[in-house]
Amino acid sequence: MKGQRTYRRLTLSELGAWQGPRPNALLLDARDADSHARDGWPGAVLLTAANQDELLLRTDRRRPILIYCYHGHASQDLAQMFADFGFTDVCDVIGGHAAWHPSREP
């Protein structure tokens, strides 16, 4: 589809290089609240149905966004949604939280 905005998928090995020049990136944890509280990435915000619209409508579209979920599936749809809303630097993590810390996933 011509003109469709896209996002980038990052491997764990690419994550540090992406985050380095983006210290203000918004990290979004798309897992459940208990998982987020237990082992969410430092500085990550829990992304829920309750705050999704506010994040989409009130966050600067130029702010880098990194989304992760359990295994890297739901984060793809969420990353595309942020890109569709005009965010210019959106990524998700291939393999999700499980790739980062596989022993803690259900």
PDB file of N, CA and C in Angstrom:
ATOM      1  N   MET A   1       0.839  -1.167   0.000  1.00  0.00           N
ATOM      2  CA  MET A   1       0.000   0.000   0.000  1.00  0.00           C
ATOM      3  C   MET A   1       0.892   1.240   0.000  1.00  0.00           C
ATOM      4  N   LYS A   2       0.777   2.071  -0.993  1.00  0.00           N
ATOM      5  CA  LYS A   2       1.608   3.254  -1.127  1.00  0.00           C
ATOM      6  C   LYS A   2       1.290   4.252  -0.022  1.00  0.00           C
ATOM      7  N   GLY A   3       2.350   4.812   0.582  1.00  0.00           N
ATOM      8  CA  GLY A   3       2.162   5.814   1.609  1.00  0.00           C
ATOM      9  C   GLY A   3       1.944   5.260   3.008  1.00  0.00           C
ATOM     10  N   GLN A   4       1.871   3.945   3.140  1.00  0.00           N
ATOM     11  CA  GLN A   4       1.659   3.368   4.467  1.00  0.00           C
ATOM     12  C   GLN A   4       2.916   3.570   5.306  1.00  0.00           C
ATOM     13  N   ARG A   5       2.726   4.053   6.506  1.00  0.00           N
ATOM     14  CA  ARG A   5       3.855   4.222   7.415  1.00  0.00           C
ATOM     15  C   ARG A   5       4.236   2.863   7.976  1.00  0.00           C
ATOM     16  N   THR A   6       5.503   2.702   8.245  1.00  0.00           N
ATOM     17  CA  THR A   6       5.971   1.421   8.752  1.00  0.00           C
ATOM     18  C   THR A   6       6.791   1.612  10.022  1.00  0.00           C
ATOM     19  N   TYR A   7       7.114   0.502  10.619  1.00  0.00           N
ATOM     20  CA  TYR A   7       7.933   0.466  11.816  1.00  0.00           C
ATOM     21  C   TYR A   7       9.093  -0.471  11.547  1.00  0.00           C
ATOM     22  N   ARG A   8      10.039  -0.488  12.452  1.00  0.00           N
ATOM     23  CA  ARG A   8      11.210  -1.336  12.304  1.00  0.00           C
ATOM     24  C   ARG A   8      11.199  -2.420  13.363  1.00  0.00           C
ATOM     25  N   ARG A   9      11.599  -3.613  12.987  1.00  0.00           N
ATOM     26  CA  ARG A   9      11.740  -4.714  13.936  1.00  0.00           C
ATOM     27  C   ARG A   9      13.201  -4.829  14.320  1.00  0.00           C
ATOM     28  N   LEU A  10      13.464  -4.841  15.620  1.00  0.00           N
ATOM     29  CA  LEU A  10      14.833  -4.912  16.115  1.00  0.00           C
ATOM     30  C   LEU A  10      15.125  -6.260  16.759  1.00  0.00           C
ATOM     31  N   THR A  11      16.316  -6.758  16.517  1.00  0.00           N
ATOM     32  CA  THR A  11      16.794  -7.912  17.269  1.00  0.00           C
ATOM     33  C   THR A  11      17.393  -7.381  18.571  1.00  0.00           C
ATOM     34  N   LEU A  12      17.612  -8.252  19.535  1.00  0.00           N
ATOM     35  CA  LEU A  12      18.242  -7.822  20.781  1.00  0.00           C
ATOM     36  C   LEU A  12      19.620  -7.232  20.529  1.00  0.00           C
ATOM     37  N   SER A  13      20.346  -7.776  19.562  1.00  0.00           N
ATOM     38  CA  SER A  13      21.692  -7.248  19.289  1.00  0.00           C
ATOM     39  C   SER A  13      21.642  -5.846  18.689  1.00  0.00           C
ATOM     40  N   GLU A  14      20.537  -5.456  18.078  1.00  0.00           N
ATOM     41  CA  GLU A  14      20.390  -4.114  17.502  1.00  0.00           C
ATOM     42  C   GLU A  14      19.836  -3.105  18.517  1.00  0.00           C
ATOM     43  N   LEU A  15      19.281  -3.596  19.582  1.00  0.00           N
ATOM     44  CA  LEU A  15      18.566  -2.751  20.541  1.00  0.00           C
ATOM     45  C   LEU A  15      19.448  -1.660  21.148  1.00  0.00           C
ATOM     46  N   GLY A  16      20.631  -2.005  21.599  1.00  0.00           N
ATOM     47  CA  GLY A  16      21.519  -1.028  22.215  1.00  0.00           C
ATOM     48  C   GLY A  16      21.900   0.092  21.258  1.00  0.00           C
ATOM     49  N   ALA A  17      22.223  -0.257  20.022  1.00  0.00           N
ATOM     50  CA  ALA A  17      22.591   0.760  19.023  1.00  0.00           C
ATOM     51  C   ALA A  17      21.405   1.671  18.715  1.00  0.00           C
ATOM     52  N   TRP A  18      20.199   1.123  18.729  1.00  0.00           N
ATOM     53  CA  TRP A  18      19.011   1.942  18.470  1.00  0.00           C
ATOM     54  C   TRP A  18      18.758   2.878  19.655  1.00  0.00           C
ATOM     55  N   GLN A  19      18.852   2.359  20.878  1.00  0.00           N
ATOM     56  CA  GLN A  19      18.550   3.156  22.064  1.00  0.00           C
ATOM     57  C   GLN A  19      19.600   4.223  22.359  1.00  0.00           C
ATOM     58  N   GLY A  20      20.857   3.960  22.049  1.00  0.00           N
ATOM     59  CA  GLY A  20      21.940   4.886  22.364  1.00  0.00           C
ATOM     60  C   GLY A  20      21.658   6.333  21.981  1.00  0.00           C
ATOM     61  N   PRO A  21      21.363   6.609  20.716  1.00  0.00           N
ATOM     62  CA  PRO A  21      21.093   7.992  20.314  1.00  0.00           C
ATOM     63  C   PRO A  21      19.657   8.444  20.588  1.00  0.00           C
ATOM     64  N   ARG A  22      18.888   7.647  21.266  1.00  0.00           N
ATOM     65  CA  ARG A  22      17.485   7.956  21.559  1.00  0.00           C
ATOM     66  C   ARG A  22      17.204   7.853  23.063  1.00  0.00           C
ATOM     67  N   PRO A  23      17.887   8.643  23.876  1.00  0.00           N
ATOM     68  CA  PRO A  23      17.699   8.528  25.326  1.00  0.00           C
ATOM     69  C   PRO A  23      16.288   8.891  25.784  1.00  0.00           C
ATOM     70  N   ASN A  24      15.542   9.587  24.952  1.00  0.00           N
ATOM     71  CA  ASN A  24      14.171   9.969  25.314  1.00  0.00           C
ATOM     72  C   ASN A  24      13.128   9.015  24.754  1.00  0.00           C
ATOM     73  N   ALA A  25      13.567   7.866  24.232  1.00  0.00           N
ATOM     74  CA  ALA A  25      12.612   6.912  23.655  1.00  0.00           C
ATOM     75  C   ALA A  25      11.586   6.482  24.701  1.00  0.00           C
ATOM     76  N   LEU A  26      10.361   6.330  24.245  1.00  0.00           N
ATOM     77  CA  LEU A  26       9.288   5.843  25.103  1.00  0.00           C
ATOM     78  C   LEU A  26       9.223   4.331  24.961  1.00  0.00           C
ATOM     79  N   LEU A  27       9.505   3.619  26.044  1.00  0.00           N
ATOM     80  CA  LEU A  27       9.455   2.154  26.050  1.00  0.00           C
ATOM     81  C   LEU A  27       8.073   1.741  26.522  1.00  0.00           C
ATOM     82  N   LEU A  28       7.401   0.934  25.726  1.00  0.00           N
ATOM     83  CA  LEU A  28       6.044   0.494  26.048  1.00  0.00           C
ATOM     84  C   LEU A  28       6.003  -1.014  26.219  1.00  0.00           C
ATOM     85  N   ASP A  29       5.537  -1.450  27.365  1.00  0.00           N
ATOM     86  CA  ASP A  29       5.404  -2.866  27.712  1.00  0.00           C
ATOM     87  C   ASP A  29       3.958  -3.271  27.457  1.00  0.00           C
ATOM     88  N   ALA A  30       3.735  -4.124  26.477  1.00  0.00           N
ATOM     89  CA  ALA A  30       2.384  -4.531  26.098  1.00  0.00           C
ATOM     90  C   ALA A  30       1.962  -5.841  26.760  1.00  0.00           C
ATOM     91  N   ARG A  31       2.639  -6.223  27.817  1.00  0.00           N
ATOM     92  CA  ARG A  31       2.269  -7.434  28.542  1.00  0.00           C
ATOM     93  C   ARG A  31       1.256  -7.075  29.623  1.00  0.00           C
ATOM     94  N   ASP A  32       0.866  -8.042  30.439  1.00  0.00           N
ATOM     95  CA  ASP A  32      -0.106  -7.771  31.507  1.00  0.00           C
ATOM     96  C   ASP A  32       0.559  -7.019  32.660  1.00  0.00           C
ATOM     97  N   ALA A  33      -0.274  -6.419  33.502  1.00  0.00           N
ATOM     98  CA  ALA A  33       0.217  -5.563  34.592  1.00  0.00           C
ATOM     99  C   ALA A  33       1.116  -6.316  35.572  1.00  0.00           C
ATOM    100  N   ASP A  34       0.783  -7.558  35.905  1.00  0.00           N
ATOM    101  CA  ASP A  34       1.609  -8.323  36.843  1.00  0.00           C
ATOM    102  C   ASP A  34       3.001  -8.587  36.266  1.00  0.00           C
ATOM    103  N   SER A  35       3.050  -8.958  34.988  1.00  0.00           N
ATOM    104  CA  SER A  35       4.350  -9.203  34.349  1.00  0.00           C
ATOM    105  C   SER A  35       5.167  -7.919  34.284  1.00  0.00           C
ATOM    106  N   HIS A  36       4.501  -6.820  33.955  1.00  0.00           N
ATOM    107  CA  HIS A  36       5.187  -5.528  33.899  1.00  0.00           C
ATOM    108  C   HIS A  36       5.767  -5.165  35.263  1.00  0.00           C
ATOM    109  N   ALA A  37       4.982  -5.343  36.322  1.00  0.00           N
ATOM    110  CA  ALA A  37       5.437  -5.010  37.673  1.00  0.00           C
ATOM    111  C   ALA A  37       6.584  -5.925  38.106  1.00  0.00           C
ATOM    112  N   ARG A  38       6.530  -7.175  37.685  1.00  0.00           N
ATOM    113  CA  ARG A  38       7.530  -8.156  38.107  1.00  0.00           C
ATOM    114  C   ARG A  38       8.870  -7.937  37.400  1.00  0.00           C
ATOM    115  N   ASP A  39       8.844  -7.739  36.083  1.00  0.00           N
ATOM    116  CA  ASP A  39      10.123  -7.677  35.366  1.00  0.00           C
ATOM    117  C   ASP A  39      10.068  -6.832  34.090  1.00  0.00           C
ATOM    118  N   GLY A  40       9.307  -5.749  34.155  1.00  0.00           N
ATOM    119  CA  GLY A  40       9.300  -4.831  33.021  1.00  0.00           C
ATOM    120  C   GLY A  40      10.669  -4.198  32.845  1.00  0.00           C
ATOM    121  N   TRP A  41      10.981  -3.817  31.635  1.00  0.00           N
ATOM    122  CA  TRP A  41      12.267  -3.181  31.371  1.00  0.00           C
ATOM    123  C   TRP A  41      12.340  -1.853  32.110  1.00  0.00           C
ATOM    124  N   PRO A  42      13.486  -1.496  32.619  1.00  0.00           N
ATOM    125  CA  PRO A  42      13.627  -0.228  33.348  1.00  0.00           C
ATOM    126  C   PRO A  42      13.114   0.959  32.528  1.00  0.00           C
ATOM    127  N   GLY A  43      12.234   1.730  33.135  1.00  0.00           N
ATOM    128  CA  GLY A  43      11.687   2.907  32.477  1.00  0.00           C
ATOM    129  C   GLY A  43      10.500   2.658  31.564  1.00  0.00           C
ATOM    130  N   ALA A  44      10.123   1.397  31.382  1.00  0.00           N
ATOM    131  CA  ALA A  44       9.010   1.083  30.478  1.00  0.00           C
ATOM    132  C   ALA A  44       7.672   1.469  31.099  1.00  0.00           C
ATOM    133  N   VAL A  45       6.764   1.893  30.248  1.00  0.00           N
ATOM    134  CA  VAL A  45       5.398   2.238  30.638  1.00  0.00           C
ATOM    135  C   VAL A  45       4.496   1.087  30.211  1.00  0.00           C
ATOM    136  N   LEU A  46       3.609   0.677  31.086  1.00  0.00           N
ATOM    137  CA  LEU A  46       2.641  -0.365  30.745  1.00  0.00           C
ATOM    138  C   LEU A  46       1.654   0.196  29.729  1.00  0.00           C
ATOM    139  N   LEU A  47       1.522  -0.454  28.593  1.00  0.00           N
ATOM    140  CA  LEU A  47       0.575  -0.061  27.546  1.00  0.00           C
ATOM    141  C   LEU A  47      -0.684  -0.895  27.708  1.00  0.00           C
ATOM    142  N   THR A  48      -1.794  -0.218  27.988  1.00  0.00           N
ATOM    143  CA  THR A  48      -3.070  -0.907  28.190  1.00  0.00           C
ATOM    144  C   THR A  48      -4.149  -0.245  27.346  1.00  0.00           C
ATOM    145  N   ALA A  49      -5.299  -0.867  27.301  1.00  0.00           N
ATOM    146  CA  ALA A  49      -6.438  -0.266  26.610  1.00  0.00           C
ATOM    147  C   ALA A  49      -6.818   1.058  27.275  1.00  0.00           C
ATOM    148  N   ALA A  50      -6.562   1.169  28.574  1.00  0.00           N
ATOM    149  CA  ALA A  50      -6.938   2.371  29.316  1.00  0.00           C
ATOM    150  C   ALA A  50      -6.068   3.580  28.982  1.00  0.00           C
ATOM    151  N   ASN A  51      -4.794   3.371  28.623  1.00  0.00           N
ATOM    152  CA  ASN A  51      -3.924   4.516  28.327  1.00  0.00           C
ATOM    153  C   ASN A  51      -3.492   4.611  26.865  1.00  0.00           C
ATOM    154  N   GLN A  52      -3.915   3.665  26.060  1.00  0.00           N
ATOM    155  CA  GLN A  52      -3.503   3.622  24.660  1.00  0.00           C
ATOM    156  C   GLN A  52      -3.882   4.894  23.896  1.00  0.00           C
ATOM    157  N   ASP A  53      -5.131   5.317  24.004  1.00  0.00           N
ATOM    158  CA  ASP A  53      -5.565   6.508  23.263  1.00  0.00           C
ATOM    159  C   ASP A  53      -4.794   7.743  23.700  1.00  0.00           C
ATOM    160  N   GLU A  54      -4.581   7.891  24.996  1.00  0.00           N
ATOM    161  CA  GLU A  54      -3.844   9.049  25.492  1.00  0.00           C
ATOM    162  C   GLU A  54      -2.416   9.052  24.945  1.00  0.00           C
ATOM    163  N   LEU A  55      -1.766   7.899  24.939  1.00  0.00           N
ATOM    164  CA  LEU A  55      -0.412   7.816  24.407  1.00  0.00           C
ATOM    165  C   LEU A  55      -0.388   8.135  22.912  1.00  0.00           C
ATOM    166  N   LEU A  56      -1.363   7.616  22.180  1.00  0.00           N
ATOM    167  CA  LEU A  56      -1.411   7.870  20.737  1.00  0.00           C
ATOM    168  C   LEU A  56      -1.675   9.340  20.422  1.00  0.00           C
ATOM    169  N   LEU A  57      -2.521   9.971  21.200  1.00  0.00           N
ATOM    170  CA  LEU A  57      -2.951  11.333  20.877  1.00  0.00           C
ATOM    171  C   LEU A  57      -2.101  12.428  21.524  1.00  0.00           C
ATOM    172  N   ARG A  58      -1.436  12.124  22.648  1.00  0.00           N
ATOM    173  CA  ARG A  58      -0.732  13.179  23.381  1.00  0.00           C
ATOM    174  C   ARG A  58       0.789  13.090  23.335  1.00  0.00           C
ATOM    175  N   THR A  59       1.323  12.018  22.783  1.00  0.00           N
ATOM    176  CA  THR A  59       2.768  11.875  22.693  1.00  0.00           C
ATOM    177  C   THR A  59       3.261  12.544  21.414  1.00  0.00           C
ATOM    178  N   ASP A  60       4.362  13.265  21.505  1.00  0.00           N
ATOM    179  CA  ASP A  60       4.977  13.903  20.340  1.00  0.00           C
ATOM    180  C   ASP A  60       5.288  12.829  19.292  1.00  0.00           C
ATOM    181  N   ARG A  61       4.818  13.027  18.085  1.00  0.00           N
ATOM    182  CA  ARG A  61       4.986  12.035  17.010  1.00  0.00           C
ATOM    183  C   ARG A  61       6.448  11.822  16.628  1.00  0.00           C
ATOM    184  N   ARG A  62       7.313  12.749  17.030  1.00  0.00           N
ATOM    185  CA  ARG A  62       8.745  12.606  16.738  1.00  0.00           C
ATOM    186  C   ARG A  62       9.472  11.831  17.828  1.00  0.00           C
ATOM    187  N   ARG A  63       8.801  11.571  18.944  1.00  0.00           N
ATOM    188  CA  ARG A  63       9.448  10.825  20.025  1.00  0.00           C
ATOM    189  C   ARG A  63       9.603   9.367  19.609  1.00  0.00           C
ATOM    190  N   PRO A  64      10.806   8.810  19.717  1.00  0.00           N
ATOM    191  CA  PRO A  64      11.000   7.401  19.372  1.00  0.00           C
ATOM    192  C   PRO A  64      10.174   6.502  20.298  1.00  0.00           C
ATOM    193  N   ILE A  65       9.610   5.454  19.715  1.00  0.00           N
ATOM    194  CA  ILE A  65       8.765   4.506  20.452  1.00  0.00           C
ATOM    195  C   ILE A  65       9.335   3.100  20.268  1.00  0.00           C
ATOM    196  N   LEU A  66       9.492   2.385  21.368  1.00  0.00           N
ATOM    197  CA  LEU A  66       9.901   0.980  21.330  1.00  0.00           C
ATOM    198  C   LEU A  66       8.857   0.178  22.088  1.00  0.00           C
ATOM    199  N   ILE A  67       8.278  -0.808  21.429  1.00  0.00           N
ATOM    200  CA  ILE A  67       7.211  -1.611  22.026  1.00  0.00           C
ATOM    201  C   ILE A  67       7.669  -3.063  22.126  1.00  0.00           C
ATOM    202  N   TYR A  68       7.415  -3.666  23.273  1.00  0.00           N
ATOM    203  CA  TYR A  68       7.673  -5.098  23.400  1.00  0.00           C
ATOM    204  C   TYR A  68       6.487  -5.768  24.075  1.00  0.00           C
ATOM    205  N   CYS A  69       6.333  -7.041  23.785  1.00  0.00           N
ATOM    206  CA  CYS A  69       5.272  -7.852  24.387  1.00  0.00           C
ATOM    207  C   CYS A  69       5.931  -9.147  24.871  1.00  0.00           C
ATOM    208  N   TYR A  70       5.170 -10.207  24.998  1.00  0.00           N
ATOM    209  CA  TYR A  70       5.739 -11.464  25.482  1.00  0.00           C
ATOM    210  C   TYR A  70       6.728 -12.085  24.498  1.00  0.00           C
ATOM    211  N   HIS A  71       6.277 -12.298  23.270  1.00  0.00           N
ATOM    212  CA  HIS A  71       7.080 -13.045  22.294  1.00  0.00           C
ATOM    213  C   HIS A  71       7.275 -12.300  20.973  1.00  0.00           C
ATOM    214  N   GLY A  72       6.871 -11.045  20.896  1.00  0.00           N
ATOM    215  CA  GLY A  72       7.094 -10.256  19.687  1.00  0.00           C
ATOM    216  C   GLY A  72       6.007 -10.363  18.639  1.00  0.00           C
ATOM    217  N   HIS A  73       4.821 -10.804  19.026  1.00  0.00           N
ATOM    218  CA  HIS A  73       3.721 -10.904  18.058  1.00  0.00           C
ATOM    219  C   HIS A  73       2.773  -9.712  18.182  1.00  0.00           C
ATOM    220  N   ALA A  74       2.202  -9.506  19.347  1.00  0.00           N
ATOM    221  CA  ALA A  74       1.265  -8.391  19.547  1.00  0.00           C
ATOM    222  C   ALA A  74       1.956  -7.049  19.339  1.00  0.00           C
ATOM    223  N   SER A  75       3.229  -6.974  19.655  1.00  0.00           N
ATOM    224  CA  SER A  75       3.961  -5.713  19.505  1.00  0.00           C
ATOM    225  C   SER A  75       4.017  -5.258  18.050  1.00  0.00           C
ATOM    226  N   GLN A  76       3.948  -6.195  17.111  1.00  0.00           N
ATOM    227  CA  GLN A  76       3.953  -5.820  15.694  1.00  0.00           C
ATOM    228  C   GLN A  76       2.696  -5.022  15.347  1.00  0.00           C
ATOM    229  N   ASP A  77       1.550  -5.490  15.784  1.00  0.00           N
ATOM    230  CA  ASP A  77       0.298  -4.767  15.519  1.00  0.00           C
ATOM    231  C   ASP A  77       0.301  -3.408  16.208  1.00  0.00           C
ATOM    232  N   LEU A  78       0.796  -3.362  17.426  1.00  0.00           N
ATOM    233  CA  LEU A  78       0.835  -2.100  18.161  1.00  0.00           C
ATOM    234  C   LEU A  78       1.816  -1.118  17.521  1.00  0.00           C
ATOM    235  N   ALA A  79       2.961  -1.615  17.082  1.00  0.00           N
ATOM    236  CA  ALA A  79       3.935  -0.751  16.409  1.00  0.00           C
ATOM    237  C   ALA A  79       3.344  -0.187  15.117  1.00  0.00           C
ATOM    238  N   GLN A  80       2.633  -1.017  14.377  1.00  0.00           N
ATOM    239  CA  GLN A  80       2.008  -0.524  13.146  1.00  0.00           C
ATOM    240  C   GLN A  80       0.956   0.532  13.469  1.00  0.00           C
ATOM    241  N   MET A  81       0.224   0.346  14.548  1.00  0.00           N
ATOM    242  CA  MET A  81      -0.784   1.320  14.940  1.00  0.00           C
ATOM    243  C   MET A  81      -0.124   2.671  15.244  1.00  0.00           C
ATOM    244  N   PHE A  82       0.976   2.671  15.991  1.00  0.00           N
ATOM    245  CA  PHE A  82       1.667   3.927  16.286  1.00  0.00           C
ATOM    246  C   PHE A  82       2.199   4.552  14.995  1.00  0.00           C
ATOM    247  N   ALA A  83       2.732   3.751  14.097  1.00  0.00           N
ATOM    248  CA  ALA A  83       3.200   4.277  12.814  1.00  0.00           C
ATOM    249  C   ALA A  83       2.033   4.869  12.026  1.00  0.00           C
ATOM    250  N   ASP A  84       0.901   4.194  12.035  1.00  0.00           N
ATOM    251  CA  ASP A  84      -0.286   4.693  11.328  1.00  0.00           C
ATOM    252  C   ASP A  84      -0.761   6.028  11.894  1.00  0.00           C
ATOM    253  N   PHE A  85      -0.500   6.259  13.179  1.00  0.00           N
ATOM    254  CA  PHE A  85      -0.883   7.519  13.816  1.00  0.00           C
ATOM    255  C   PHE A  85       0.142   8.627  13.561  1.00  0.00           C
ATOM    256  N   GLY A  86       1.151   8.329  12.771  1.00  0.00           N
ATOM    257  CA  GLY A  86       2.107   9.352  12.370  1.00  0.00           C
ATOM    258  C   GLY A  86       3.406   9.387  13.138  1.00  0.00           C
ATOM    259  N   PHE A  87       3.635   8.429  14.029  1.00  0.00           N
ATOM    260  CA  PHE A  87       4.912   8.383  14.721  1.00  0.00           C
ATOM    261  C   PHE A  87       5.993   7.993  13.712  1.00  0.00           C
ATOM    262  N   THR A  88       7.115   8.688  13.773  1.00  0.00           N
ATOM    263  CA  THR A  88       8.121   8.548  12.720  1.00  0.00           C
ATOM    264  C   THR A  88       9.250   7.583  13.042  1.00  0.00           C
ATOM    265  N   ASP A  89       9.396   7.186  14.290  1.00  0.00           N
ATOM    266  CA  ASP A  89      10.487   6.294  14.691  1.00  0.00           C
ATOM    267  C   ASP A  89       9.931   5.264  15.666  1.00  0.00           C
ATOM    268  N   VAL A  90       9.351   4.211  15.109  1.00  0.00           N
ATOM    269  CA  VAL A  90       8.683   3.180  15.904  1.00  0.00           C
ATOM    270  C   VAL A  90       9.358   1.841  15.661  1.00  0.00           C
ATOM    271  N   CYS A  91       9.613   1.118  16.749  1.00  0.00           N
ATOM    272  CA  CYS A  91      10.227  -0.205  16.649  1.00  0.00           C
ATOM    273  C   CYS A  91       9.542  -1.170  17.602  1.00  0.00           C
ATOM    274  N   ASP A  92       9.687  -2.445  17.272  1.00  0.00           N
ATOM    275  CA  ASP A  92       9.309  -3.485  18.221  1.00  0.00           C
ATOM    276  C   ASP A  92      10.475  -4.454  18.309  1.00  0.00           C
ATOM    277  N   VAL A  93      10.427  -5.340  19.285  1.00  0.00           N
ATOM    278  CA  VAL A  93      11.532  -6.256  19.538  1.00  0.00           C
ATOM    279  C   VAL A  93      11.167  -7.651  19.060  1.00  0.00           C
ATOM    280  N   ILE A  94      11.962  -8.171  18.153  1.00  0.00           N
ATOM    281  CA  ILE A  94      11.763  -9.537  17.654  1.00  0.00           C
ATOM    282  C   ILE A  94      11.967 -10.507  18.818  1.00  0.00           C
ATOM    283  N   GLY A  95      11.012 -11.352  19.062  1.00  0.00           N
ATOM    284  CA  GLY A  95      11.098 -12.308  20.164  1.00  0.00           C
ATOM    285  C   GLY A  95      10.589 -11.765  21.486  1.00  0.00           C
ATOM    286  N   GLY A  96      10.330 -10.452  21.537  1.00  0.00           N
ATOM    287  CA  GLY A  96       9.745  -9.831  22.717  1.00  0.00           C
ATOM    288  C   GLY A  96      10.566 -10.003  23.985  1.00  0.00           C
ATOM    289  N   HIS A  97       9.876  -9.892  25.104  1.00  0.00           N
ATOM    290  CA  HIS A  97      10.514 -10.010  26.412  1.00  0.00           C
ATOM    291  C   HIS A  97      11.159 -11.383  26.583  1.00  0.00           C
ATOM    292  N   ALA A  98      10.581 -12.399  25.995  1.00  0.00           N
ATOM    293  CA  ALA A  98      11.123 -13.756  26.126  1.00  0.00           C
ATOM    294  C   ALA A  98      12.523 -13.860  25.533  1.00  0.00           C
ATOM    295  N   ALA A  99      12.813 -13.093  24.491  1.00  0.00           N
ATOM    296  CA  ALA A  99      14.144 -13.105  23.909  1.00  0.00           C
ATOM    297  C   ALA A  99      15.156 -12.451  24.849  1.00  0.00           C
ATOM    298  N   TRP A 100      14.684 -11.463  25.610  1.00  0.00           N
ATOM    299  CA  TRP A 100      15.551 -10.746  26.537  1.00  0.00           C
ATOM    300  C   TRP A 100      15.788 -11.552  27.809  1.00  0.00           C
ATOM    301  N   HIS A 101      14.726 -12.170  28.305  1.00  0.00           N
ATOM    302  CA  HIS A 101      14.827 -12.909  29.553  1.00  0.00           C
ATOM    303  C   HIS A 101      13.973 -14.174  29.458  1.00  0.00           C
ATOM    304  N   PRO A 102      14.420 -15.165  28.685  1.00  0.00           N
ATOM    305  CA  PRO A 102      13.579 -16.335  28.406  1.00  0.00           C
ATOM    306  C   PRO A 102      13.164 -17.163  29.616  1.00  0.00           C
ATOM    307  N   SER A 103      13.924 -17.128  30.684  1.00  0.00           N
ATOM    308  CA  SER A 103      13.575 -17.967  31.835  1.00  0.00           C
ATOM    309  C   SER A 103      12.388 -17.427  32.631  1.00  0.00           C
ATOM    310  N   ARG A 104      11.974 -16.198  32.361  1.00  0.00           N
ATOM    311  CA  ARG A 104      10.887 -15.600  33.141  1.00  0.00           C
ATOM    312  C   ARG A 104       9.546 -15.615  32.432  1.00  0.00           C
ATOM    313  N   GLU A 105       9.485 -16.101  31.234  1.00  0.00           N
ATOM    314  CA  GLU A 105       8.217 -16.094  30.498  1.00  0.00           C
ATOM    315  C   GLU A 105       7.359 -17.292  30.871  1.00  0.00           C
ATOM    316  N   PRO A 106       6.034 -17.045  30.891  1.00  0.00           N
ATOM    317  CA  PRO A 106       5.116 -18.138  31.248  1.00  0.00           C
ATOM    318  C   PRO A 106       5.132 -19.251  30.217  1.00  0.00           C
TER     319      PRO A 106
END
